[in-house]
Protein backbone atom coordinates (compact mmCIF):
# COMPACT_ATOMS: atom_id res chain seq x y z
CA MET A 1 44.97 108.62 -86.69
CA ASN A 2 45.00 111.25 -89.22
CA HIS A 3 42.86 110.01 -92.06
CA LEU A 4 44.41 112.83 -93.99
CA PRO A 5 46.27 110.44 -97.15
CA GLN A 6 50.00 112.19 -96.18
CA ALA A 7 50.32 110.92 -92.96
CA TRP A 8 48.90 107.93 -93.59
CA GLY A 9 50.57 105.33 -90.30
CA ARG A 10 50.88 107.83 -88.11
CA PRO A 11 49.36 109.15 -84.65
CA ARG A 12 48.36 112.55 -84.75
CA ASN A 13 50.36 115.62 -84.28
CA ALA A 14 48.53 115.97 -80.38
CA ILE A 15 49.80 113.22 -78.95
CA LEU A 16 53.95 113.28 -80.50
CA GLY A 17 54.83 115.93 -82.31
CA ALA A 18 54.82 118.15 -85.36
CA TYR A 19 56.80 116.62 -87.72
CA ASN A 20 60.35 117.40 -88.40
CA PRO A 21 61.14 117.39 -92.00
CA SER A 22 64.72 117.99 -91.39
CA ILE A 23 65.61 114.22 -90.26
CA LEU A 24 65.04 113.95 -94.35
CA GLN A 25 67.62 116.57 -95.40
CA PRO A 26 71.05 114.73 -96.49
CA SER A 27 73.80 116.55 -94.06
CA GLY A 28 77.36 115.29 -95.79
CA PRO A 29 78.84 115.53 -98.60
CA LYS A 30 76.61 114.67 -102.69
CA ALA A 31 78.03 111.41 -103.17
CA HIS A 32 78.70 110.13 -107.29
CA THR A 33 78.53 106.52 -107.35
CA THR A 34 81.31 104.86 -106.38
CA SER A 35 80.36 101.07 -106.80
CA PRO A 36 77.78 100.38 -109.71
CA ILE A 37 75.01 98.15 -108.96
CA VAL A 38 73.49 96.77 -112.56
CA THR A 39 75.71 96.28 -115.06
CA GLY A 40 76.98 94.40 -118.98
CA THR A 41 79.60 93.12 -119.80
CA SER A 42 82.26 92.11 -122.59
CA VAL A 43 81.37 93.51 -125.86
CA LEU A 44 83.09 92.43 -128.58
CA ALA A 45 84.09 93.97 -131.98
CA VAL A 46 86.52 92.85 -135.40
CA LYS A 47 87.62 94.98 -138.63
CA PHE A 48 86.89 92.90 -141.62
CA LYS A 49 87.70 94.45 -145.19
CA ASP A 50 84.89 95.78 -145.97
CA GLY A 51 83.56 96.88 -142.11
CA VAL A 52 83.47 95.68 -139.28
CA VAL A 53 81.37 93.66 -136.58
CA ILE A 54 80.69 93.67 -132.87
CA ALA A 55 78.49 92.55 -130.92
CA ALA A 56 77.14 91.29 -126.84
CA ASP A 57 74.73 89.82 -125.03
CA ASN A 58 72.17 91.58 -123.71
CA LEU A 59 72.00 90.81 -120.06
CA ALA A 60 72.64 92.99 -117.36
CA SER A 61 74.02 91.50 -114.29
CA TYR A 62 71.86 92.68 -110.71
CA GLY A 63 75.21 92.01 -108.89
CA SER A 64 75.89 88.36 -109.23
CA LEU A 65 72.36 87.76 -110.15
CA ALA A 66 71.41 87.13 -113.93
CA ARG A 67 68.55 89.25 -113.27
CA PHE A 68 67.40 90.81 -116.64
CA THR A 69 67.88 88.72 -120.05
CA ASP A 70 66.63 91.51 -122.75
CA VAL A 71 68.55 94.47 -122.69
CA LYS A 72 70.20 95.52 -125.77
CA ARG A 73 73.46 97.45 -125.93
CA LEU A 74 74.40 98.07 -129.28
CA ARG A 75 72.87 101.02 -130.20
CA THR A 76 72.89 102.72 -134.58
CA PHE A 77 74.33 105.65 -134.84
CA ASN A 78 73.23 107.21 -138.42
CA ARG A 79 73.71 104.80 -140.64
CA ARG A 80 76.83 104.25 -140.83
CA THR A 81 78.02 104.02 -136.42
CA VAL A 82 77.33 101.38 -133.95
CA VAL A 83 78.32 101.79 -129.96
CA GLY A 84 78.31 98.28 -128.07
CA PHE A 85 78.42 99.26 -124.32
CA GLY A 86 79.77 97.72 -121.45
CA GLY A 87 79.71 98.93 -117.80
CA ASP A 88 76.96 100.15 -116.21
CA VAL A 89 72.97 99.92 -117.26
CA SER A 90 72.22 103.60 -115.95
CA ASP A 91 74.72 105.68 -117.77
CA MET A 92 74.39 103.17 -120.69
CA GLN A 93 70.95 105.43 -120.63
CA TYR A 94 71.87 108.32 -119.49
CA LEU A 95 74.36 108.36 -123.00
CA ASP A 96 71.80 106.41 -124.61
CA ARG A 97 69.73 109.56 -124.18
CA LEU A 98 73.15 112.54 -125.46
CA LEU A 99 73.14 110.36 -128.60
CA LEU A 100 69.57 110.20 -129.50
CA SER A 101 69.49 114.41 -129.05
CA LEU A 102 72.53 114.79 -130.52
CA ASP A 103 71.21 112.01 -133.21
CA ILE A 104 67.83 114.91 -133.72
CA GLU A 105 70.14 117.98 -133.93
CA GLU A 106 72.36 116.21 -136.16
CA ASN A 107 69.48 115.62 -138.68
CA TYR A 108 67.89 119.27 -138.08
CA GLY A 109 70.74 120.73 -138.28
CA SER A 110 71.20 123.05 -141.38
CA SER A 111 75.37 122.06 -141.87
CA GLY A 112 74.59 119.17 -144.80
CA HIS A 113 76.76 116.41 -143.03
CA ASP A 114 76.55 114.26 -140.64
CA LEU A 115 78.82 112.69 -138.29
CA ASN A 116 80.69 109.16 -138.43
CA ALA A 117 81.75 106.79 -136.97
CA LEU A 118 85.45 109.24 -136.46
CA ASN A 119 83.51 111.56 -135.52
CA LEU A 120 80.82 110.14 -132.84
CA HIS A 121 84.43 108.82 -130.73
CA THR A 122 85.53 112.32 -130.97
CA TYR A 123 82.60 113.26 -129.10
CA LEU A 124 82.46 110.31 -126.55
CA ALA A 125 85.53 111.11 -124.95
CA LYS A 126 84.77 114.22 -124.79
CA VAL A 127 82.41 113.69 -122.58
CA MET A 128 83.55 111.08 -120.76
CA TYR A 129 86.81 112.03 -119.84
CA LYS A 130 84.64 115.37 -118.53
CA ARG A 131 82.83 113.56 -116.33
CA ARG A 132 85.94 112.12 -114.70
CA SER A 133 87.80 115.74 -114.27
CA ASP A 134 84.15 116.56 -112.17
CA ILE A 135 85.25 112.89 -110.51
CA ASN A 136 81.52 111.71 -110.66
CA PRO A 137 82.41 109.21 -113.75
CA LEU A 138 80.19 107.25 -116.34
CA TRP A 139 80.58 103.97 -115.48
CA ASN A 140 81.30 102.11 -118.98
CA GLN A 141 83.47 101.16 -121.57
CA LEU A 142 82.55 101.41 -124.77
CA LEU A 143 83.42 100.15 -128.55
CA VAL A 144 82.55 102.87 -130.82
CA ALA A 145 82.85 100.75 -134.97
CA GLY A 146 81.72 102.45 -137.61
CA LEU A 147 82.74 103.85 -141.43
CA ASP A 148 85.07 107.19 -140.61
CA GLY A 149 84.57 110.59 -143.00
CA LEU A 150 86.99 108.45 -146.09
CA ASP A 151 84.48 105.57 -145.86
CA GLN A 152 87.27 103.55 -144.37
CA PRO A 153 87.05 100.70 -141.12
CA PHE A 154 86.85 102.41 -137.09
CA LEU A 155 86.86 101.07 -134.36
CA SER A 156 88.14 102.43 -130.88
CA SER A 157 87.21 102.28 -127.57
CA VAL A 158 87.15 104.96 -124.60
CA ASP A 159 86.53 104.02 -121.23
CA LEU A 160 85.24 105.61 -118.20
CA LEU A 161 88.76 107.87 -117.32
CA GLY A 162 88.32 109.27 -120.68
CA THR A 163 90.63 107.52 -121.58
CA THR A 164 91.07 106.04 -125.70
CA PHE A 165 92.31 103.32 -127.39
CA SER A 166 92.06 101.58 -131.46
CA SER A 167 92.93 97.52 -132.78
CA PRO A 168 91.84 95.95 -135.43
CA THR A 169 89.91 93.49 -132.04
CA LEU A 170 89.00 95.55 -129.47
CA ALA A 171 86.67 93.25 -126.96
CA THR A 172 85.42 94.71 -123.23
CA GLY A 173 84.63 93.37 -119.65
CA PHE A 174 86.16 89.63 -119.41
CA GLY A 175 86.26 89.33 -123.09
CA ALA A 176 89.30 90.74 -122.77
CA HIS A 177 90.71 88.68 -121.42
CA LEU A 178 89.09 85.85 -123.36
CA ALA A 179 88.43 86.87 -126.55
CA GLN A 180 90.31 88.69 -127.93
CA PRO A 181 93.56 86.31 -127.98
CA LEU A 182 90.72 84.26 -130.71
CA LEU A 183 89.62 87.28 -132.37
CA ARG A 184 94.14 88.86 -132.45
CA LYS A 185 94.52 84.97 -134.51
CA VAL A 186 92.44 85.75 -137.25
CA VAL A 187 93.30 89.59 -137.25
CA ASP A 188 96.66 90.63 -135.62
CA ASP A 189 97.00 93.88 -136.75
CA GLU A 190 95.98 96.53 -139.97
CA ALA A 191 97.27 95.05 -142.43
CA LYS A 192 95.57 91.65 -142.56
CA VAL A 193 92.21 94.18 -141.92
CA GLY A 194 92.37 94.30 -146.02
CA SER A 195 92.21 90.22 -146.26
CA VAL A 196 89.30 89.02 -143.48
CA THR A 197 86.11 88.12 -145.30
CA ARG A 198 82.85 89.08 -143.60
CA GLU A 199 81.83 85.57 -142.94
CA GLN A 200 85.32 84.65 -141.02
CA ALA A 201 85.21 88.05 -139.11
CA THR A 202 81.43 87.63 -138.02
CA ASN A 203 82.03 83.36 -138.00
CA ALA A 204 84.58 84.86 -134.81
CA VAL A 205 82.72 86.76 -133.24
CA ARG A 206 79.91 84.32 -132.68
CA GLU A 207 83.08 81.73 -131.41
CA CYS A 208 84.17 84.33 -128.99
CA MET A 209 79.84 84.74 -128.46
CA LYS A 210 80.12 80.94 -127.49
CA VAL A 211 83.53 80.44 -125.44
CA LEU A 212 82.37 84.03 -123.11
CA PHE A 213 79.05 81.91 -122.38
CA TYR A 214 81.15 79.23 -121.62
CA ARG A 215 83.52 80.89 -119.46
CA ASP A 216 81.97 83.86 -117.64
CA ALA A 217 79.30 83.97 -115.61
CA ARG A 218 78.68 87.50 -115.93
CA SER A 219 77.39 86.49 -120.14
CA LEU A 220 73.83 84.75 -121.40
CA ASP A 221 73.07 82.22 -124.78
CA LYS A 222 71.37 85.86 -126.63
CA TYR A 223 72.73 88.42 -128.01
CA SER A 224 73.12 91.26 -130.32
CA ILE A 225 75.80 91.93 -133.70
CA ALA A 226 75.97 94.29 -136.24
CA VAL A 227 77.98 94.46 -138.67
CA ILE A 228 78.92 98.14 -140.58
CA THR A 229 79.41 98.32 -143.96
CA LYS A 230 79.05 101.01 -146.62
CA ASP A 231 75.53 99.72 -147.46
CA GLY A 232 74.34 100.28 -143.76
CA VAL A 233 73.79 99.29 -140.01
CA GLU A 234 72.78 95.09 -140.06
CA LEU A 235 71.72 94.36 -136.97
CA LYS A 236 70.15 91.74 -135.22
CA GLU A 237 68.88 92.04 -131.64
CA ASP A 238 67.59 88.33 -130.29
CA GLU A 239 70.66 85.47 -131.99
CA GLU A 240 71.19 82.84 -130.23
CA LEU A 241 73.53 80.49 -128.98
CA GLU A 242 73.90 77.64 -131.68
CA ASN A 243 76.15 73.52 -131.51
CA GLN A 244 76.55 73.93 -128.75
CA SER A 245 78.36 71.39 -125.87
CA TRP A 246 79.31 71.34 -122.86
CA ALA A 247 81.66 67.75 -123.54
CA PHE A 248 85.21 69.77 -122.61
CA ALA A 249 83.34 69.97 -118.86
CA GLU A 250 84.24 66.18 -117.74
CA MET A 251 88.17 67.21 -118.09
CA ILE A 252 87.78 70.20 -115.84
CA LYS A 253 88.75 70.04 -111.63
CA GLY A 254 87.96 72.84 -110.12
CA TYR A 255 90.05 75.85 -111.71
CA GLY A 256 91.36 75.41 -114.80
CA THR A 257 92.34 71.97 -116.52
CA GLN A 258 93.05 69.75 -114.12
CA THR A 259 93.10 66.05 -115.26
CA VAL A 260 93.74 64.74 -111.84
């Protein structure tokens, strides 16, 4: 055997001939991600009269396996914006580095102005649409929560196609089906935002996180929650669900609420 480290595990060239490196060259077209492997599930957010509450659990699933249980999917940007990431974790990490470089550039800029939540959402929408146009999308759905240039609550989403949407309540993943009806009971249109307190919004989000843990197989009982107001961002990254009760499970037979 050849004693050189780069040749460990194969016979000498004199026996089988020189190694042909061309077999390692890809012969097909360049390929991009078509099916994310490690993913995060729901992100929830709701406006209230002084700001926005946003939450996401700390689980990253490897396919259907609850593999990584300490992945923080809420990122703060300056002092009045939080971005929540659903979808592919590797693309989330890429966007996180992109936002970090943007934040550094803004901090060292000479304009004297910083980006608010509306500006950041516009930037991310352009990034997502550009990647989609390159047929190499970032497999994420983002919620951007914070305050706009007038210090009013701002909440909007952008998906892998660059499509944007704004609403007093938003959710990604399974939360769009399970949590949105519960959040809309608290605030169903922009006119109701001014009457919703911080406590009401926070309690509604916490209750929705509990429902998602009960019903969504890709969720976890540990989550991050952030409250954005004029005073800044209050982020808690290691919250746990309280007062869990599985008593309702006794009434469930198979799929749905069958009792026979």
